[in-house]
Protein backbone atom coordinates (compact mmCIF):
# COMPACT_ATOMS: atom_id res chain seq x y z
CA MET A 1 9.95 -58.07 -71.95
CA ASN A 2 10.74 -55.81 -69.27
CA ARG A 3 11.64 -53.12 -71.63
CA ILE A 4 8.39 -53.44 -73.40
CA VAL A 5 6.26 -53.41 -70.07
CA LYS A 6 8.15 -50.16 -69.39
CA GLN A 7 7.16 -48.62 -73.01
CA GLN A 8 3.67 -49.77 -72.30
CA GLN A 9 3.68 -47.83 -69.09
CA ASN A 10 5.33 -44.62 -70.86
CA GLU A 11 2.32 -44.94 -73.15
CA ILE A 12 -0.32 -44.99 -71.00
CA THR A 13 1.28 -42.06 -68.61
CA GLU A 14 1.36 -40.11 -71.72
CA TYR A 15 -2.02 -40.59 -72.53
CA PHE A 16 -3.24 -39.18 -69.27
CA ILE A 17 -1.05 -36.33 -69.52
CA TYR A 18 -2.05 -35.16 -73.15
CA ALA A 19 -5.81 -35.80 -71.78
CA GLN A 20 -5.29 -33.83 -68.52
CA LEU A 21 -3.73 -30.88 -70.57
CA ALA A 22 -6.69 -30.95 -73.04
CA GLU A 23 -9.31 -30.50 -70.04
CA ILE A 24 -7.33 -27.63 -68.49
CA SER A 25 -6.87 -26.15 -71.89
CA THR A 26 -9.15 -23.17 -73.09
CA ASP A 27 -8.22 -23.15 -76.60
CA LYS A 28 -10.28 -25.12 -78.90
CA LYS A 29 -7.59 -25.90 -81.39
CA ASN A 30 -5.29 -26.93 -78.56
CA ILE A 31 -7.98 -29.28 -77.14
CA GLU A 32 -8.58 -31.15 -80.45
CA ILE A 33 -4.64 -31.59 -81.12
CA LEU A 34 -4.09 -32.79 -77.39
CA ASN A 35 -7.08 -35.14 -77.48
CA GLU A 36 -5.88 -36.56 -80.83
CA ILE A 37 -2.24 -37.36 -79.40
CA SER A 38 -4.05 -38.54 -76.45
CA ASN A 39 -5.97 -41.35 -78.54
CA GLN A 40 -2.91 -41.93 -80.25
CA GLU A 41 -0.87 -42.81 -77.19
CA LEU A 42 -3.87 -44.98 -75.81
CA ASN A 43 -3.66 -47.07 -79.02
CA HIS A 44 0.08 -47.58 -78.73
CA TYR A 45 -0.57 -48.81 -75.04
CA GLU A 46 -3.08 -51.22 -76.47
CA PHE A 47 -0.63 -52.47 -78.76
CA TRP A 48 1.97 -53.25 -76.26
CA LYS A 49 -0.82 -54.82 -74.14
CA GLU A 50 -1.73 -57.54 -76.58
CA ILE A 51 1.76 -58.52 -76.59
CA THR A 52 2.37 -58.45 -72.41
CA LYS A 53 -1.00 -59.50 -71.88
CA ILE A 54 -0.98 -57.33 -68.55
CA GLU A 55 -2.34 -53.82 -67.32
CA THR A 56 0.17 -51.26 -66.50
CA LYS A 57 -0.41 -48.26 -64.10
CA PRO A 58 0.63 -44.92 -65.02
CA ASN A 59 3.37 -43.04 -63.68
CA LYS A 60 1.32 -40.40 -61.51
CA TRP A 61 4.38 -38.37 -60.61
CA LYS A 62 5.51 -38.17 -64.20
CA ILE A 63 1.62 -36.55 -65.02
CA LYS A 64 1.88 -34.10 -62.13
CA LYS A 65 5.23 -32.94 -63.25
CA TYR A 66 4.42 -32.40 -66.84
CA ILE A 67 0.79 -30.62 -66.03
CA TRP A 68 2.60 -28.41 -63.40
CA LEU A 69 5.37 -27.41 -65.99
CA ALA A 70 2.71 -26.91 -68.53
CA LYS A 71 0.66 -24.54 -66.13
CA ILE A 72 3.71 -22.33 -65.21
CA PHE A 73 5.95 -22.44 -68.57
CA GLY A 74 3.31 -23.02 -71.21
CA LEU A 75 2.32 -25.97 -73.30
CA SER A 76 5.05 -25.92 -75.78
CA PHE A 77 7.91 -26.19 -73.17
CA SER A 78 6.25 -29.03 -71.22
CA LEU A 79 5.68 -31.05 -74.15
CA ARG A 80 8.97 -30.44 -75.94
CA LEU A 81 10.69 -31.41 -72.61
CA MET A 82 8.72 -34.74 -72.56
CA GLU A 83 9.81 -35.36 -76.09
CA ILE A 84 13.52 -34.96 -75.59
CA GLY A 85 13.08 -38.53 -73.94
CA GLU A 86 12.09 -39.91 -77.35
CA GLY A 87 15.67 -40.90 -78.15
CA GLU A 88 15.98 -43.74 -75.60
CA ALA A 89 12.45 -44.89 -77.28
CA SER A 90 13.87 -44.95 -80.57
CA LYS A 91 16.62 -47.18 -79.41
CA PHE A 92 13.89 -49.60 -78.17
CA TYR A 93 11.88 -49.72 -81.02
CA ASN A 94 15.20 -50.60 -83.22
CA SER A 95 16.15 -53.22 -80.77
CA ILE A 96 12.89 -55.03 -81.05
CA ALA A 97 11.93 -54.31 -84.70
CA GLU A 98 12.69 -57.74 -85.98
CA LYS A 99 10.52 -59.56 -83.74
CA TYR A 100 7.79 -56.95 -83.66
CA PRO A 101 7.79 -55.34 -87.30
CA ASP A 102 4.57 -53.15 -86.53
CA SER A 103 6.45 -51.39 -83.58
CA LEU A 104 8.42 -49.51 -86.46
CA THR A 105 4.86 -47.73 -87.40
CA ILE A 106 4.39 -46.75 -83.76
CA GLN A 107 7.93 -45.32 -83.64
CA GLU A 108 7.05 -43.27 -87.11
CA GLU A 109 4.04 -41.97 -85.26
CA GLU A 110 6.10 -41.19 -82.33
CA LEU A 111 8.75 -39.23 -84.20
CA GLN A 112 6.66 -37.24 -86.80
CA HIS A 113 3.06 -37.12 -85.93
CA GLU A 114 3.32 -35.92 -82.32
CA GLN A 115 6.04 -33.35 -83.34
CA LYS A 116 3.90 -31.91 -86.18
CA LEU A 117 0.83 -31.69 -83.89
CA ILE A 118 2.84 -30.12 -81.01
CA GLY A 119 4.46 -27.59 -83.47
CA ILE A 120 1.07 -26.03 -84.44
CA LEU A 121 -0.16 -25.63 -80.44
CA ASN A 122 -1.50 -22.29 -79.60
CA ASP A 123 1.06 -21.32 -76.75
CA ASN A 124 0.02 -17.73 -75.46
CA ARG A 125 3.38 -17.54 -73.51
CA LEU A 126 5.27 -18.07 -76.73
CA ASN A 127 3.19 -15.54 -78.43
CA TYR A 128 4.74 -13.03 -76.04
CA ALA A 129 8.38 -14.42 -75.92
CA GLY A 130 9.56 -11.28 -78.09
CA SER A 131 7.97 -8.99 -75.45
CA ILE A 132 9.75 -10.92 -72.86
CA VAL A 133 12.89 -10.90 -74.51
CA LEU A 134 12.59 -7.08 -75.12
CA GLY A 135 12.49 -6.57 -71.43
CA LEU A 136 14.94 -9.10 -70.25
CA ASN A 137 17.57 -8.40 -72.74
CA ASP A 138 17.36 -4.36 -72.24
CA ALA A 139 17.70 -4.85 -68.51
CA LEU A 140 20.66 -7.06 -68.62
CA VAL A 141 22.65 -5.06 -71.14
CA GLU A 142 21.78 -2.05 -69.47
CA PHE A 143 22.04 -2.75 -66.04
CA THR A 144 25.18 -5.01 -65.96
CA GLY A 145 26.85 -2.28 -67.69
CA THR A 146 25.10 0.65 -65.43
CA LEU A 147 25.82 -1.44 -62.00
CA ALA A 148 29.30 -2.08 -63.01
CA GLY A 149 30.03 1.64 -63.83
CA LEU A 150 28.48 2.48 -60.51
CA THR A 151 30.54 0.21 -58.77
CA PHE A 152 33.78 1.46 -59.87
CA ALA A 153 32.78 5.33 -59.74
CA PHE A 154 30.95 5.24 -56.29
CA SER A 155 32.42 1.93 -54.51
CA ASN A 156 29.20 2.49 -52.13
CA ASN A 157 26.87 -0.67 -52.22
CA LYS A 158 23.87 1.50 -50.98
CA VAL A 159 24.11 4.11 -53.36
CA VAL A 160 24.71 1.78 -56.44
CA GLY A 161 21.74 -0.38 -54.97
CA ALA A 162 19.16 2.52 -54.65
CA THR A 163 20.43 4.26 -57.68
CA GLY A 164 19.69 1.10 -59.64
CA LEU A 165 16.32 0.40 -58.26
CA VAL A 166 15.30 4.14 -58.95
CA MET A 167 16.51 3.84 -62.51
CA GLY A 168 15.09 0.38 -62.91
CA PHE A 169 11.54 1.22 -62.16
CA ALA A 170 11.74 4.24 -64.29
CA ALA A 171 13.33 2.20 -67.24
CA SER A 172 10.65 -0.44 -66.76
CA LEU A 173 7.69 1.84 -67.14
CA SER A 174 9.35 3.24 -70.30
CA MET A 175 10.34 -0.36 -71.60
CA ALA A 176 6.46 -1.16 -70.96
CA ALA A 177 5.39 1.67 -73.19
CA SER A 178 7.69 0.90 -75.85
CA GLY A 179 6.40 -2.77 -75.80
CA TYR A 180 2.90 -1.33 -76.01
CA LEU A 181 3.50 0.88 -79.05
CA SER A 182 5.55 -1.93 -80.68
CA SER A 183 2.98 -4.43 -80.53
CA LYS A 184 0.43 -1.64 -81.91
CA GLU A 185 2.35 -1.55 -84.90
CA GLU A 186 2.02 -5.16 -85.41
CA GLU A 187 -1.58 -5.13 -86.28
CA GLU A 188 -1.60 -8.14 -88.47
CA ASN A 189 -0.51 -10.45 -85.35
CA GLU A 190 -4.08 -10.86 -83.83
CA LYS A 191 -2.69 -13.19 -81.28
CA ILE A 192 -0.69 -10.32 -79.53
CA ASN A 193 -2.58 -7.79 -77.15
CA PRO A 194 -0.91 -4.76 -76.83
CA ILE A 195 -1.68 -4.21 -73.16
CA THR A 196 -0.53 -7.82 -72.32
CA ALA A 197 2.96 -7.28 -74.40
CA ALA A 198 3.38 -4.01 -72.38
CA ALA A 199 3.05 -6.15 -68.96
CA TYR A 200 5.41 -9.01 -70.29
CA THR A 201 8.05 -6.31 -71.12
CA GLY A 202 7.77 -4.13 -68.05
CA VAL A 203 7.59 -6.99 -65.42
CA SER A 204 10.25 -9.03 -67.18
CA TYR A 205 12.56 -5.73 -66.86
CA ILE A 206 11.90 -4.84 -63.39
CA LEU A 207 12.13 -8.43 -62.09
CA THR A 208 15.60 -8.84 -64.00
CA VAL A 209 16.66 -5.49 -62.36
CA ILE A 210 15.55 -6.59 -58.80
CA PHE A 211 17.69 -9.70 -59.10
CA LEU A 212 20.84 -7.90 -60.22
CA VAL A 213 20.44 -4.94 -57.60
CA ALA A 214 20.11 -7.60 -54.74
CA PRO A 215 23.45 -8.21 -54.23
CA TYR A 216 24.30 -4.44 -53.82
CA LEU A 217 21.46 -4.37 -51.00
CA MET A 218 22.38 -7.50 -49.38
CA GLN A 219 26.02 -6.87 -48.45
CA ASP A 220 28.82 -4.06 -48.28
CA ASN A 221 31.75 -5.51 -50.33
CA PRO A 222 31.20 -3.78 -53.76
CA TYR A 223 33.51 -6.18 -55.65
CA ILE A 224 31.56 -9.25 -54.22
CA ALA A 225 28.48 -7.72 -55.06
CA LEU A 226 29.75 -7.05 -58.86
CA GLY A 227 30.77 -10.59 -58.87
CA LEU A 228 27.35 -12.08 -57.77
CA MET A 229 25.51 -9.45 -60.26
CA LEU A 230 27.76 -10.81 -62.86
CA PHE A 231 27.01 -14.43 -61.96
CA ILE A 232 23.29 -13.71 -61.53
CA THR A 233 23.50 -12.34 -65.14
CA VAL A 234 24.52 -15.48 -66.46
CA LEU A 235 21.92 -17.65 -64.29
CA ILE A 236 19.19 -15.39 -66.15
CA ILE A 237 20.67 -15.78 -69.30
CA ALA A 238 21.11 -19.53 -69.16
CA GLY A 239 17.70 -20.08 -67.56
CA TYR A 240 15.83 -17.84 -70.21
CA THR A 241 17.59 -19.43 -73.07
CA TYR A 242 17.24 -23.00 -71.85
CA TYR A 243 13.45 -22.10 -72.10
CA ILE A 244 13.18 -20.74 -75.38
CA SER A 245 15.40 -23.12 -76.81
CA THR A 246 13.70 -25.98 -75.46
CA ALA A 247 10.11 -24.47 -76.20
CA LYS A 248 11.04 -23.48 -80.12
CA ILE A 249 13.65 -26.39 -80.47
CA LEU A 250 16.47 -23.65 -81.14
CA SER A 251 20.39 -23.95 -80.38
CA PHE A 252 20.99 -23.43 -76.73
CA LYS A 253 24.52 -22.78 -77.07
CA LYS A 254 24.48 -20.25 -79.77
CA ARG A 255 21.88 -18.21 -78.19
CA PHE A 256 23.52 -18.32 -74.71
CA ILE A 257 26.82 -17.26 -76.08
CA GLN A 258 25.33 -14.47 -77.96
CA MET A 259 23.63 -13.03 -74.92
CA ALA A 260 26.13 -13.76 -72.51
CA VAL A 261 29.01 -11.87 -74.60
CA ILE A 262 26.83 -8.75 -75.27
CA SER A 263 25.65 -8.31 -71.51
CA LEU A 264 29.43 -9.06 -70.04
CA GLY A 265 31.01 -7.11 -73.15
CA VAL A 266 28.82 -4.03 -72.06
CA ALA A 267 29.66 -4.63 -68.56
CA ALA A 268 33.52 -4.80 -69.06
CA ILE A 269 33.42 -1.74 -71.02
CA SER A 270 31.47 0.00 -68.20
CA PHE A 271 34.16 -0.91 -65.85
CA GLY A 272 36.74 1.07 -67.59
CA ILE A 273 34.27 4.25 -68.19
CA GLY A 274 33.56 3.93 -64.36
CA THR A 275 37.06 4.17 -63.37
CA ILE A 276 37.86 7.00 -65.62
CA ILE A 277 34.95 9.05 -64.23
CA LYS A 278 36.28 8.31 -60.92
CA GLN A 279 39.68 9.47 -61.48
CA VAL A 280 38.79 12.37 -63.72
CA PHE A 281 35.86 13.99 -61.64
CA GLY A 282 37.23 12.59 -58.13
CA VAL A 283 33.77 11.16 -57.48
CA ASP A 284 33.95 9.04 -53.96
CA PHE A 285 31.37 7.97 -51.57
């Protein structure tokens, strides 16, 4: 009975989550979908209430958590993350199916209906995922290699950091322009605004560069800075890959390995090129 009461609380909590997301949404289609799921959760709550004969209060912290995640990372990420917990719910339904056969109907709705509805949400952030990837990937690939090469060529953190920032700001403007022109070519995709796409591309590029350059401006040892830069590279790749794999239900491992191998591979090649240039031209600062 305690597990049933817990599930009852989950249902009323999710009812409020979907209802509040509908209230803050500006897309009519999203509002309809979220309200439909919200009503479904309320029906589930009423089903369990008939069994337990008690009222349960929603988990207010959980409600705030998923509303906050939706505002920052988008609807799809927040709701997909919430749905990950349905694995435990499935075990619960299977354990009580014999005594409460109608619970299997609820399980079917939880596994299929909600997933289907969430899959057709209009999530503005995911519409511009390609623009973010364009800026993020280019910055990671180009600047892990560039900073690694400059580290071995100059061995002077201030020179490496300053050079990286100048190149980064110039490149971010170039990438923003590329993002604008690229999205202009996709006229059939009415969800993409070229100016917004350019902003996502440029901002994601320069923010990535700032994070990668920061170790060179914060301390003097070039090899410690290089190690920190590569560590930050892996963290950025892991963070974005987790976001996009959760929101779009993709393989985290495959995408993470692919991005990490490319970025770190370019950096490794640049190590050698930087060393050769330093030896051949006798550059030293």
